[in-house]
PDB file of N, CA and C in Angstrom:
ATOM      1  N   UNK A   1       0.854  -1.165   0.000  1.00  0.00           N
ATOM      2  CA  UNK A   1       0.000   0.000   0.000  1.00  0.00           C
ATOM      3  C   UNK A   1       0.897   1.224   0.000  1.00  0.00           C
ATOM      4  N   UNK A   2       0.604   2.185  -0.869  1.00  0.00           N
ATOM      5  CA  UNK A   2       1.439   3.377  -0.967  1.00  0.00           C
ATOM      6  C   UNK A   2       1.265   4.262   0.268  1.00  0.00           C
ATOM      7  N   UNK A   3       0.042   4.493   0.678  1.00  0.00           N
ATOM      8  CA  UNK A   3      -0.218   5.244   1.898  1.00  0.00           C
ATOM      9  C   UNK A   3      -0.230   6.751   1.767  1.00  0.00           C
ATOM     10  N   UNK A   4       0.119   7.252   0.585  1.00  0.00           N
ATOM     11  CA  UNK A   4       0.157   8.714   0.386  1.00  0.00           C
ATOM     12  C   UNK A   4      -0.099   9.031  -1.087  1.00  0.00           C
ATOM     13  N   UNK A   5      -1.162   8.448  -1.623  1.00  0.00           N
ATOM     14  CA  UNK A   5      -1.488   8.536  -3.049  1.00  0.00           C
ATOM     15  C   UNK A   5      -2.201   9.859  -3.342  1.00  0.00           C
ATOM     16  N   UNK A   6      -1.407  10.881  -3.604  1.00  0.00           N
ATOM     17  CA  UNK A   6      -1.940  12.209  -3.904  1.00  0.00           C
ATOM     18  C   UNK A   6      -1.149  12.806  -5.058  1.00  0.00           C
ATOM     19  N   UNK A   7      -1.711  13.811  -5.692  1.00  0.00           N
ATOM     20  CA  UNK A   7      -1.089  14.414  -6.875  1.00  0.00           C
ATOM     21  C   UNK A   7       0.319  14.924  -6.588  1.00  0.00           C
ATOM     22  N   UNK A   8       0.546  15.463  -5.416  1.00  0.00           N
ATOM     23  CA  UNK A   8       1.871  16.021  -5.131  1.00  0.00           C
ATOM     24  C   UNK A   8       2.962  14.948  -5.051  1.00  0.00           C
ATOM     25  N   UNK A   9       2.583  13.678  -5.096  1.00  0.00           N
ATOM     26  CA  UNK A   9       3.563  12.592  -5.084  1.00  0.00           C
ATOM     27  C   UNK A   9       3.722  11.921  -6.449  1.00  0.00           C
ATOM     28  N   UNK A  10       3.233  12.579  -7.490  1.00  0.00           N
ATOM     29  CA  UNK A  10       3.400  12.069  -8.846  1.00  0.00           C
ATOM     30  C   UNK A  10       4.293  13.035  -9.606  1.00  0.00           C
ATOM     31  N   UNK A  11       5.393  12.508 -10.098  1.00  0.00           N
ATOM     32  CA  UNK A  11       6.346  13.305 -10.861  1.00  0.00           C
ATOM     33  C   UNK A  11       6.074  13.086 -12.348  1.00  0.00           C
ATOM     34  N   UNK A  12       6.207  14.150 -13.144  1.00  0.00           N
ATOM     35  CA  UNK A  12       5.979  14.088 -14.589  1.00  0.00           C
ATOM     36  C   UNK A  12       7.234  14.587 -15.295  1.00  0.00           C
ATOM     37  N   UNK A  13       7.706  13.817 -16.293  1.00  0.00           N
ATOM     38  CA  UNK A  13       8.885  14.267 -17.029  1.00  0.00           C
ATOM     39  C   UNK A  13       8.469  15.015 -18.303  1.00  0.00           C
ATOM     40  N   UNK A  14       9.436  15.403 -19.108  1.00  0.00           N
ATOM     41  CA  UNK A  14       9.190  16.196 -20.313  1.00  0.00           C
ATOM     42  C   UNK A  14       8.331  15.459 -21.349  1.00  0.00           C
ATOM     43  N   UNK A  15       8.333  14.132 -21.306  1.00  0.00           N
ATOM     44  CA  UNK A  15       7.532  13.341 -22.244  1.00  0.00           C
ATOM     45  C   UNK A  15       6.171  12.953 -21.649  1.00  0.00           C
ATOM     46  N   UNK A  16       5.820  13.542 -20.524  1.00  0.00           N
ATOM     47  CA  UNK A  16       4.547  13.301 -19.827  1.00  0.00           C
ATOM     48  C   UNK A  16       4.458  11.889 -19.243  1.00  0.00           C
ATOM     49  N   UNK A  17       5.595  11.277 -18.957  1.00  0.00           N
ATOM     50  CA  UNK A  17       5.603  10.007 -18.238  1.00  0.00           C
ATOM     51  C   UNK A  17       5.436  10.297 -16.756  1.00  0.00           C
ATOM     52  N   UNK A  18       4.585   9.534 -16.113  1.00  0.00           N
ATOM     53  CA  UNK A  18       4.319   9.734 -14.689  1.00  0.00           C
ATOM     54  C   UNK A  18       5.097   8.724 -13.858  1.00  0.00           C
ATOM     55  N   UNK A  19       5.568   9.176 -12.708  1.00  0.00           N
ATOM     56  CA  UNK A  19       6.304   8.322 -11.782  1.00  0.00           C
ATOM     57  C   UNK A  19       5.791   8.594 -10.373  1.00  0.00           C
ATOM     58  N   UNK A  20       5.295   7.557  -9.725  1.00  0.00           N
ATOM     59  CA  UNK A  20       4.825   7.672  -8.360  1.00  0.00           C
ATOM     60  C   UNK A  20       6.025   7.753  -7.430  1.00  0.00           C
ATOM     61  N   UNK A  21       6.010   8.706  -6.502  1.00  0.00           N
ATOM     62  CA  UNK A  21       7.140   8.906  -5.593  1.00  0.00           C
ATOM     63  C   UNK A  21       6.673   8.916  -4.146  1.00  0.00           C
ATOM     64  N   UNK A  22       7.594   9.152  -3.239  1.00  0.00           N
ATOM     65  CA  UNK A  22       7.358   9.284  -1.803  1.00  0.00           C
ATOM     66  C   UNK A  22       6.704   8.038  -1.209  1.00  0.00           C
ATOM     67  N   UNK A  23       7.515   7.043  -0.999  1.00  0.00           N
ATOM     68  CA  UNK A  23       7.034   5.790  -0.427  1.00  0.00           C
ATOM     69  C   UNK A  23       7.249   5.729   1.085  1.00  0.00           C
ATOM     70  N   UNK A  24       7.355   6.891   1.722  1.00  0.00           N
ATOM     71  CA  UNK A  24       7.600   6.956   3.149  1.00  0.00           C
ATOM     72  C   UNK A  24       6.490   6.365   3.998  1.00  0.00           C
ATOM     73  N   UNK A  25       5.269   6.378   3.494  1.00  0.00           N
ATOM     74  CA  UNK A  25       4.138   5.820   4.243  1.00  0.00           C
ATOM     75  C   UNK A  25       3.737   4.438   3.724  1.00  0.00           C
ATOM     76  N   UNK A  26       4.486   3.913   2.762  1.00  0.00           N
ATOM     77  CA  UNK A  26       4.140   2.625   2.156  1.00  0.00           C
ATOM     78  C   UNK A  26       4.395   1.465   3.112  1.00  0.00           C
ATOM     79  N   UNK A  27       3.584   0.433   2.973  1.00  0.00           N
ATOM     80  CA  UNK A  27       3.771  -0.780   3.768  1.00  0.00           C
ATOM     81  C   UNK A  27       3.081  -1.946   3.078  1.00  0.00           C
ATOM     82  N   UNK A  28       3.491  -3.129   3.419  1.00  0.00           N
ATOM     83  CA  UNK A  28       2.813  -4.327   2.925  1.00  0.00           C
ATOM     84  C   UNK A  28       1.929  -4.868   4.039  1.00  0.00           C
ATOM     85  N   UNK A  29       0.957  -5.653   3.648  1.00  0.00           N
ATOM     86  CA  UNK A  29       0.018  -6.189   4.634  1.00  0.00           C
ATOM     87  C   UNK A  29      -0.454  -7.566   4.188  1.00  0.00           C
ATOM     88  N   UNK A  30      -1.055  -8.283   5.101  1.00  0.00           N
ATOM     89  CA  UNK A  30      -1.523  -9.646   4.859  1.00  0.00           C
ATOM     90  C   UNK A  30      -2.797  -9.616   4.020  1.00  0.00           C
ATOM     91  N   UNK A  31      -2.688 -10.015   2.768  1.00  0.00           N
ATOM     92  CA  UNK A  31      -3.864 -10.041   1.892  1.00  0.00           C
ATOM     93  C   UNK A  31      -4.725 -11.282   2.113  1.00  0.00           C
ATOM     94  N   UNK A  32      -4.241 -12.208   2.925  1.00  0.00           N
ATOM     95  CA  UNK A  32      -5.029 -13.407   3.218  1.00  0.00           C
ATOM     96  C   UNK A  32      -6.210 -13.081   4.125  1.00  0.00           C
ATOM     97  N   UNK A  33      -6.069 -12.052   4.939  1.00  0.00           N
ATOM     98  CA  UNK A  33      -7.172 -11.585   5.766  1.00  0.00           C
ATOM     99  C   UNK A  33      -7.982 -10.623   4.904  1.00  0.00           C
ATOM    100  N   UNK A  34      -8.967 -11.162   4.200  1.00  0.00           N
ATOM    101  CA  UNK A  34      -9.710 -10.401   3.180  1.00  0.00           C
ATOM    102  C   UNK A  34     -10.404  -9.165   3.742  1.00  0.00           C
ATOM    103  N   UNK A  35     -11.000  -9.278   4.912  1.00  0.00           N
ATOM    104  CA  UNK A  35     -11.712  -8.135   5.501  1.00  0.00           C
ATOM    105  C   UNK A  35     -10.740  -7.005   5.838  1.00  0.00           C
ATOM    106  N   UNK A  36      -9.615  -7.340   6.414  1.00  0.00           N
ATOM    107  CA  UNK A  36      -8.590  -6.365   6.761  1.00  0.00           C
ATOM    108  C   UNK A  36      -8.002  -5.729   5.503  1.00  0.00           C
ATOM    109  N   UNK A  37      -7.699  -6.570   4.506  1.00  0.00           N
ATOM    110  CA  UNK A  37      -7.115  -6.082   3.254  1.00  0.00           C
ATOM    111  C   UNK A  37      -8.070  -5.137   2.542  1.00  0.00           C
ATOM    112  N   UNK A  38      -9.352  -5.473   2.505  1.00  0.00           N
ATOM    113  CA  UNK A  38     -10.335  -4.616   1.844  1.00  0.00           C
ATOM    114  C   UNK A  38     -10.486  -3.286   2.574  1.00  0.00           C
ATOM    115  N   UNK A  39     -10.447  -3.319   3.897  1.00  0.00           N
ATOM    116  CA  UNK A  39     -10.537  -2.070   4.668  1.00  0.00           C
ATOM    117  C   UNK A  39      -9.342  -1.164   4.365  1.00  0.00           C
ATOM    118  N   UNK A  40      -8.149  -1.739   4.310  1.00  0.00           N
ATOM    119  CA  UNK A  40      -6.964  -0.943   3.980  1.00  0.00           C
ATOM    120  C   UNK A  40      -7.046  -0.401   2.555  1.00  0.00           C
ATOM    121  N   UNK A  41      -7.499  -1.236   1.635  1.00  0.00           N
ATOM    122  CA  UNK A  41      -7.629  -0.793   0.245  1.00  0.00           C
ATOM    123  C   UNK A  41      -8.586   0.389   0.135  1.00  0.00           C
ATOM    124  N   UNK A  42      -9.667   0.337   0.867  1.00  0.00           N
ATOM    125  CA  UNK A  42     -10.648   1.430   0.790  1.00  0.00           C
ATOM    126  C   UNK A  42     -10.118   2.721   1.418  1.00  0.00           C
ATOM    127  N   UNK A  43      -9.147   2.616   2.300  1.00  0.00           N
ATOM    128  CA  UNK A  43      -8.472   3.822   2.795  1.00  0.00           C
ATOM    129  C   UNK A  43      -7.626   4.416   1.670  1.00  0.00           C
ATOM    130  N   UNK A  44      -6.933   3.552   0.943  1.00  0.00           N
ATOM    131  CA  UNK A  44      -6.128   4.011  -0.198  1.00  0.00           C
ATOM    132  C   UNK A  44      -7.019   4.573  -1.305  1.00  0.00           C
ATOM    133  N   UNK A  45      -8.226   4.030  -1.441  1.00  0.00           N
ATOM    134  CA  UNK A  45      -9.185   4.531  -2.430  1.00  0.00           C
ATOM    135  C   UNK A  45      -9.514   5.996  -2.149  1.00  0.00           C
ATOM    136  N   UNK A  46      -9.547   6.385  -0.887  1.00  0.00           N
ATOM    137  CA  UNK A  46      -9.785   7.794  -0.570  1.00  0.00           C
ATOM    138  C   UNK A  46      -8.691   8.667  -1.176  1.00  0.00           C
ATOM    139  N   UNK A  47      -7.438   8.232  -1.070  1.00  0.00           N
ATOM    140  CA  UNK A  47      -6.332   8.959  -1.683  1.00  0.00           C
ATOM    141  C   UNK A  47      -6.514   9.067  -3.189  1.00  0.00           C
ATOM    142  N   UNK A  48      -6.977   7.982  -3.820  1.00  0.00           N
ATOM    143  CA  UNK A  48      -7.250   8.002  -5.253  1.00  0.00           C
ATOM    144  C   UNK A  48      -8.349   9.020  -5.569  1.00  0.00           C
ATOM    145  N   UNK A  49      -9.365   9.091  -4.711  1.00  0.00           N
ATOM    146  CA  UNK A  49     -10.437  10.075  -4.900  1.00  0.00           C
ATOM    147  C   UNK A  49      -9.906  11.495  -4.802  1.00  0.00           C
ATOM    148  N   UNK A  50      -8.994  11.730  -3.868  1.00  0.00           N
ATOM    149  CA  UNK A  50      -8.366  13.059  -3.755  1.00  0.00           C
ATOM    150  C   UNK A  50      -7.537  13.375  -4.997  1.00  0.00           C
ATOM    151  N   UNK A  51      -6.862  12.370  -5.529  1.00  0.00           N
ATOM    152  CA  UNK A  51      -6.106  12.547  -6.771  1.00  0.00           C
ATOM    153  C   UNK A  51      -7.048  12.899  -7.915  1.00  0.00           C
ATOM    154  N   UNK A  52      -8.172  12.190  -8.020  1.00  0.00           N
ATOM    155  CA  UNK A  52      -9.161  12.522  -9.039  1.00  0.00           C
ATOM    156  C   UNK A  52      -9.643  13.959  -8.891  1.00  0.00           C
ATOM    157  N   UNK A  53      -9.898  14.368  -7.668  1.00  0.00           N
ATOM    158  CA  UNK A  53     -10.360  15.739  -7.427  1.00  0.00           C
ATOM    159  C   UNK A  53      -9.332  16.757  -7.915  1.00  0.00           C
ATOM    160  N   UNK A  54      -8.065  16.509  -7.617  1.00  0.00           N
ATOM    161  CA  UNK A  54      -7.003  17.406  -8.090  1.00  0.00           C
ATOM    162  C   UNK A  54      -6.994  17.475  -9.612  1.00  0.00           C
ATOM    163  N   UNK A  55      -7.127  16.338 -10.275  1.00  0.00           N
ATOM    164  CA  UNK A  55      -7.113  16.312 -11.737  1.00  0.00           C
ATOM    165  C   UNK A  55      -8.351  16.996 -12.312  1.00  0.00           C
ATOM    166  N   UNK A  56      -9.502  16.735 -11.724  1.00  0.00           N
ATOM    167  CA  UNK A  56     -10.748  17.348 -12.187  1.00  0.00           C
ATOM    168  C   UNK A  56     -10.676  18.865 -12.089  1.00  0.00           C
ATOM    169  N   UNK A  57     -10.030  19.365 -11.051  1.00  0.00           N
ATOM    170  CA  UNK A  57      -9.913  20.813 -10.870  1.00  0.00           C
ATOM    171  C   UNK A  57      -9.102  21.487 -11.969  1.00  0.00           C
ATOM    172  N   UNK A  58      -8.339  20.715 -12.730  1.00  0.00           N
ATOM    173  CA  UNK A  58      -7.530  21.271 -13.823  1.00  0.00           C
ATOM    174  C   UNK A  58      -8.214  21.171 -15.182  1.00  0.00           C
ATOM    175  N   UNK A  59      -9.431  20.656 -15.209  1.00  0.00           N
ATOM    176  CA  UNK A  59     -10.164  20.513 -16.465  1.00  0.00           C
ATOM    177  C   UNK A  59     -10.935  21.795 -16.745  1.00  0.00           C
ATOM    178  N   UNK A  60     -10.941  22.203 -18.003  1.00  0.00           N
ATOM    179  CA  UNK A  60     -11.681  23.385 -18.433  1.00  0.00           C
ATOM    180  C   UNK A  60     -13.148  23.269 -18.014  1.00  0.00           C
ATOM    181  N   UNK A  61     -13.719  24.375 -17.570  1.00  0.00           N
ATOM    182  CA  UNK A  61     -15.102  24.405 -17.063  1.00  0.00           C
ATOM    183  C   UNK A  61     -16.091  23.805 -18.066  1.00  0.00           C
ATOM    184  N   UNK A  62     -15.946  24.106 -19.341  1.00  0.00           N
ATOM    185  CA  UNK A  62     -16.877  23.582 -20.353  1.00  0.00           C
ATOM    186  C   UNK A  62     -16.766  22.072 -20.507  1.00  0.00           C
ATOM    187  N   UNK A  63     -15.563  21.542 -20.351  1.00  0.00           N
ATOM    188  CA  UNK A  63     -15.353  20.099 -20.450  1.00  0.00           C
ATOM    189  C   UNK A  63     -15.969  19.342 -19.283  1.00  0.00           C
ATOM    190  N   UNK A  64     -16.137  20.020 -18.152  1.00  0.00           N
ATOM    191  CA  UNK A  64     -16.663  19.353 -16.960  1.00  0.00           C
ATOM    192  C   UNK A  64     -18.108  18.897 -17.154  1.00  0.00           C
ATOM    193  N   UNK A  65     -18.751  19.374 -18.179  1.00  0.00           N
ATOM    194  CA  UNK A  65     -20.146  19.001 -18.435  1.00  0.00           C
ATOM    195  C   UNK A  65     -20.270  17.755 -19.301  1.00  0.00           C
ATOM    196  N   UNK A  66     -19.165  17.196 -19.735  1.00  0.00           N
ATOM    197  CA  UNK A  66     -19.220  16.001 -20.580  1.00  0.00           C
ATOM    198  C   UNK A  66     -19.637  14.793 -19.737  1.00  0.00           C
ATOM    199  N   UNK A  67     -20.240  13.790 -20.373  1.00  0.00           N
ATOM    200  CA  UNK A  67     -20.627  12.584 -19.628  1.00  0.00           C
ATOM    201  C   UNK A  67     -19.441  11.910 -18.937  1.00  0.00           C
ATOM    202  N   UNK A  68     -18.277  11.913 -19.589  1.00  0.00           N
ATOM    203  CA  UNK A  68     -17.113  11.287 -18.970  1.00  0.00           C
ATOM    204  C   UNK A  68     -16.677  12.041 -17.720  1.00  0.00           C
ATOM    205  N   UNK A  69     -16.680  13.364 -17.782  1.00  0.00           N
ATOM    206  CA  UNK A  69     -16.301  14.147 -16.608  1.00  0.00           C
ATOM    207  C   UNK A  69     -17.328  13.991 -15.493  1.00  0.00           C
ATOM    208  N   UNK A  70     -18.591  13.924 -15.853  1.00  0.00           N
ATOM    209  CA  UNK A  70     -19.629  13.688 -14.832  1.00  0.00           C
ATOM    210  C   UNK A  70     -19.403  12.335 -14.170  1.00  0.00           C
ATOM    211  N   UNK A  71     -19.012  11.338 -14.961  1.00  0.00           N
ATOM    212  CA  UNK A  71     -18.675  10.021 -14.420  1.00  0.00           C
ATOM    213  C   UNK A  71     -17.513  10.130 -13.435  1.00  0.00           C
ATOM    214  N   UNK A  72     -16.460  10.873 -13.826  1.00  0.00           N
ATOM    215  CA  UNK A  72     -15.292  11.007 -12.946  1.00  0.00           C
ATOM    216  C   UNK A  72     -15.636  11.722 -11.644  1.00  0.00           C
ATOM    217  N   UNK A  73     -16.499  12.726 -11.711  1.00  0.00           N
ATOM    218  CA  UNK A  73     -16.918  13.428 -10.490  1.00  0.00           C
ATOM    219  C   UNK A  73     -17.691  12.478  -9.582  1.00  0.00           C
ATOM    220  N   UNK A  74     -18.576  11.684 -10.163  1.00  0.00           N
ATOM    221  CA  UNK A  74     -19.323  10.699  -9.364  1.00  0.00           C
ATOM    222  C   UNK A  74     -18.372   9.674  -8.752  1.00  0.00           C
ATOM    223  N   UNK A  75     -17.419   9.209  -9.540  1.00  0.00           N
ATOM    224  CA  UNK A  75     -16.431   8.250  -9.028  1.00  0.00           C
ATOM    225  C   UNK A  75     -15.628   8.866  -7.891  1.00  0.00           C
ATOM    226  N   UNK A  76     -15.203  10.099  -8.078  1.00  0.00           N
ATOM    227  CA  UNK A  76     -14.454  10.795  -7.025  1.00  0.00           C
ATOM    228  C   UNK A  76     -15.281  10.864  -5.745  1.00  0.00           C
ATOM    229  N   UNK A  77     -16.547  11.224  -5.869  1.00  0.00           N
ATOM    230  CA  UNK A  77     -17.425  11.317  -4.698  1.00  0.00           C
ATOM    231  C   UNK A  77     -17.582   9.960  -4.011  1.00  0.00           C
ATOM    232  N   UNK A  78     -17.683   8.901  -4.804  1.00  0.00           N
ATOM    233  CA  UNK A  78     -17.774   7.552  -4.226  1.00  0.00           C
ATOM    234  C   UNK A  78     -16.505   7.203  -3.456  1.00  0.00           C
ATOM    235  N   UNK A  79     -15.364   7.619  -3.978  1.00  0.00           N
ATOM    236  CA  UNK A  79     -14.078   7.271  -3.379  1.00  0.00           C
ATOM    237  C   UNK A  79     -13.785   8.023  -2.079  1.00  0.00           C
ATOM    238  N   UNK A  80     -14.310   9.224  -1.935  1.00  0.00           N
ATOM    239  CA  UNK A  80     -13.974  10.034  -0.758  1.00  0.00           C
ATOM    240  C   UNK A  80     -15.093  10.073   0.279  1.00  0.00           C
ATOM    241  N   UNK A  81     -16.147   9.322   0.063  1.00  0.00           N
ATOM    242  CA  UNK A  81     -17.245   9.358   1.030  1.00  0.00           C
ATOM    243  C   UNK A  81     -16.762   8.926   2.414  1.00  0.00           C
ATOM    244  N   UNK A  82     -17.414   9.459   3.426  1.00  0.00           N
ATOM    245  CA  UNK A  82     -17.000   9.204   4.806  1.00  0.00           C
ATOM    246  C   UNK A  82     -17.127   7.735   5.216  1.00  0.00           C
ATOM    247  N   UNK A  83     -18.144   7.066   4.718  1.00  0.00           N
ATOM    248  CA  UNK A  83     -18.370   5.664   5.084  1.00  0.00           C
ATOM    249  C   UNK A  83     -17.376   4.782   4.333  1.00  0.00           C
ATOM    250  N   UNK A  84     -16.291   4.422   4.995  1.00  0.00           N
ATOM    251  CA  UNK A  84     -15.208   3.659   4.364  1.00  0.00           C
ATOM    252  C   UNK A  84     -15.738   2.380   3.726  1.00  0.00           C
ATOM    253  N   UNK A  85     -16.654   1.694   4.384  1.00  0.00           N
ATOM    254  CA  UNK A  85     -17.180   0.425   3.877  1.00  0.00           C
ATOM    255  C   UNK A  85     -17.975   0.598   2.591  1.00  0.00           C
ATOM    256  N   UNK A  86     -18.412   1.802   2.298  1.00  0.00           N
ATOM    257  CA  UNK A  86     -19.192   2.050   1.080  1.00  0.00           C
ATOM    258  C   UNK A  86     -18.328   2.517  -0.093  1.00  0.00           C
ATOM    259  N   UNK A  87     -17.050   2.743   0.151  1.00  0.00           N
ATOM    260  CA  UNK A  87     -16.159   3.121  -0.954  1.00  0.00           C
ATOM    261  C   UNK A  87     -15.921   1.904  -1.843  1.00  0.00           C
ATOM    262  N   UNK A  88     -15.761   2.127  -3.145  1.00  0.00           N
ATOM    263  CA  UNK A  88     -15.479   0.986  -4.026  1.00  0.00           C
ATOM    264  C   UNK A  88     -14.065   0.468  -3.800  1.00  0.00           C
ATOM    265  N   UNK A  89     -13.831  -0.764  -4.210  1.00  0.00           N
ATOM    266  CA  UNK A  89     -12.456  -1.286  -4.203  1.00  0.00           C
ATOM    267  C   UNK A  89     -11.828  -0.964  -5.564  1.00  0.00           C
ATOM    268  N   UNK A  90     -10.524  -1.208  -5.699  1.00  0.00           N
ATOM    269  CA  UNK A  90      -9.842  -0.830  -6.933  1.00  0.00           C
ATOM    270  C   UNK A  90     -10.266  -1.675  -8.137  1.00  0.00           C
ATOM    271  N   UNK A  91     -10.673  -2.897  -7.919  1.00  0.00           N
ATOM    272  CA  UNK A  91     -11.178  -3.714  -9.043  1.00  0.00           C
ATOM    273  C   UNK A  91     -12.460  -3.096  -9.591  1.00  0.00           C
ATOM    274  N   UNK A  92     -13.343  -2.661  -8.716  1.00  0.00           N
ATOM    275  CA  UNK A  92     -14.576  -2.009  -9.143  1.00  0.00           C
ATOM    276  C   UNK A  92     -14.270  -0.710  -9.873  1.00  0.00           C
ATOM    277  N   UNK A  93     -13.346   0.075  -9.331  1.00  0.00           N
ATOM    278  CA  UNK A  93     -12.956   1.334  -9.972  1.00  0.00           C
ATOM    279  C   UNK A  93     -12.398   1.054 -11.365  1.00  0.00           C
ATOM    280  N   UNK A  94     -11.495   0.084 -11.461  1.00  0.00           N
ATOM    281  CA  UNK A  94     -10.907  -0.280 -12.751  1.00  0.00           C
ATOM    282  C   UNK A  94     -11.996  -0.660 -13.753  1.00  0.00           C
ATOM    283  N   UNK A  95     -12.915  -1.523 -13.333  1.00  0.00           N
ATOM    284  CA  UNK A  95     -13.973  -1.976 -14.237  1.00  0.00           C
ATOM    285  C   UNK A  95     -14.889  -0.828 -14.662  1.00  0.00           C
ATOM    286  N   UNK A  96     -15.188   0.090 -13.749  1.00  0.00           N
ATOM    287  CA  UNK A  96     -16.028   1.236 -14.099  1.00  0.00           C
ATOM    288  C   UNK A  96     -15.323   2.136 -15.120  1.00  0.00           C
ATOM    289  N   UNK A  97     -14.051   2.398 -14.904  1.00  0.00           N
ATOM    290  CA  UNK A  97     -13.297   3.252 -15.832  1.00  0.00           C
ATOM    291  C   UNK A  97     -13.170   2.543 -17.184  1.00  0.00           C
ATOM    292  N   UNK A  98     -12.870   1.261 -17.167  1.00  0.00           N
ATOM    293  CA  UNK A  98     -12.744   0.504 -18.411  1.00  0.00           C
ATOM    294  C   UNK A  98     -14.049   0.528 -19.199  1.00  0.00           C
ATOM    295  N   UNK A  99     -15.151   0.306 -18.517  1.00  0.00           N
ATOM    296  CA  UNK A  99     -16.457   0.315 -19.178  1.00  0.00           C
ATOM    297  C   UNK A  99     -16.723   1.704 -19.772  1.00  0.00           C
ATOM    298  N   UNK A 100     -16.434   2.741 -19.027  1.00  0.00           N
ATOM    299  CA  UNK A 100     -16.689   4.092 -19.498  1.00  0.00           C
ATOM    300  C   UNK A 100     -15.780   4.461 -20.664  1.00  0.00           C
ATOM    301  N   UNK A 101     -14.538   4.030 -20.638  1.00  0.00           N
ATOM    302  CA  UNK A 101     -13.622   4.368 -21.741  1.00  0.00           C
ATOM    303  C   UNK A 101     -13.867   3.499 -22.956  1.00  0.00           C
ATOM    304  N   UNK A 102     -14.402   2.293 -22.784  1.00  0.00           N
ATOM    305  CA  UNK A 102     -14.762   1.456 -23.929  1.00  0.00           C
ATOM    306  C   UNK A 102     -15.928   2.053 -24.688  1.00  0.00           C
ATOM    307  N   UNK A 103     -16.821   2.725 -23.974  1.00  0.00           N
ATOM    308  CA  UNK A 103     -17.989   3.362 -24.578  1.00  0.00           C
ATOM    309  C   UNK A 103     -17.563   4.561 -25.423  1.00  0.00           C
ATOM    310  N   UNK A 104     -16.579   5.303 -24.924  1.00  0.00           N
ATOM    311  CA  UNK A 104     -16.132   6.496 -25.624  1.00  0.00           C
ATOM    312  C   UNK A 104     -15.481   6.076 -26.894  1.00  0.00           C
TER     313      UNK A 104
END
């Protein structure tokens, strides 16, 4: 688990390649304990939601009205909701994004 998944920890080079940095809060955990692993994952999902929010804030106002951007805002809201147990897991997030990008 990275533990600090936010925009300020992503480095971008001149070719727009992204590199995740700052592993100071990273740790491994027992994935055999499914309930514990899912709870930790949903904490990391909040960080992903904050990252989405940062990215959404850089989108032109007119673009924010597109169906894809509306999807991303809804996904962001799902990821940062207070009820940790109601946040999606990363497999669900991946499948939702894949489905939405396949449609486009």
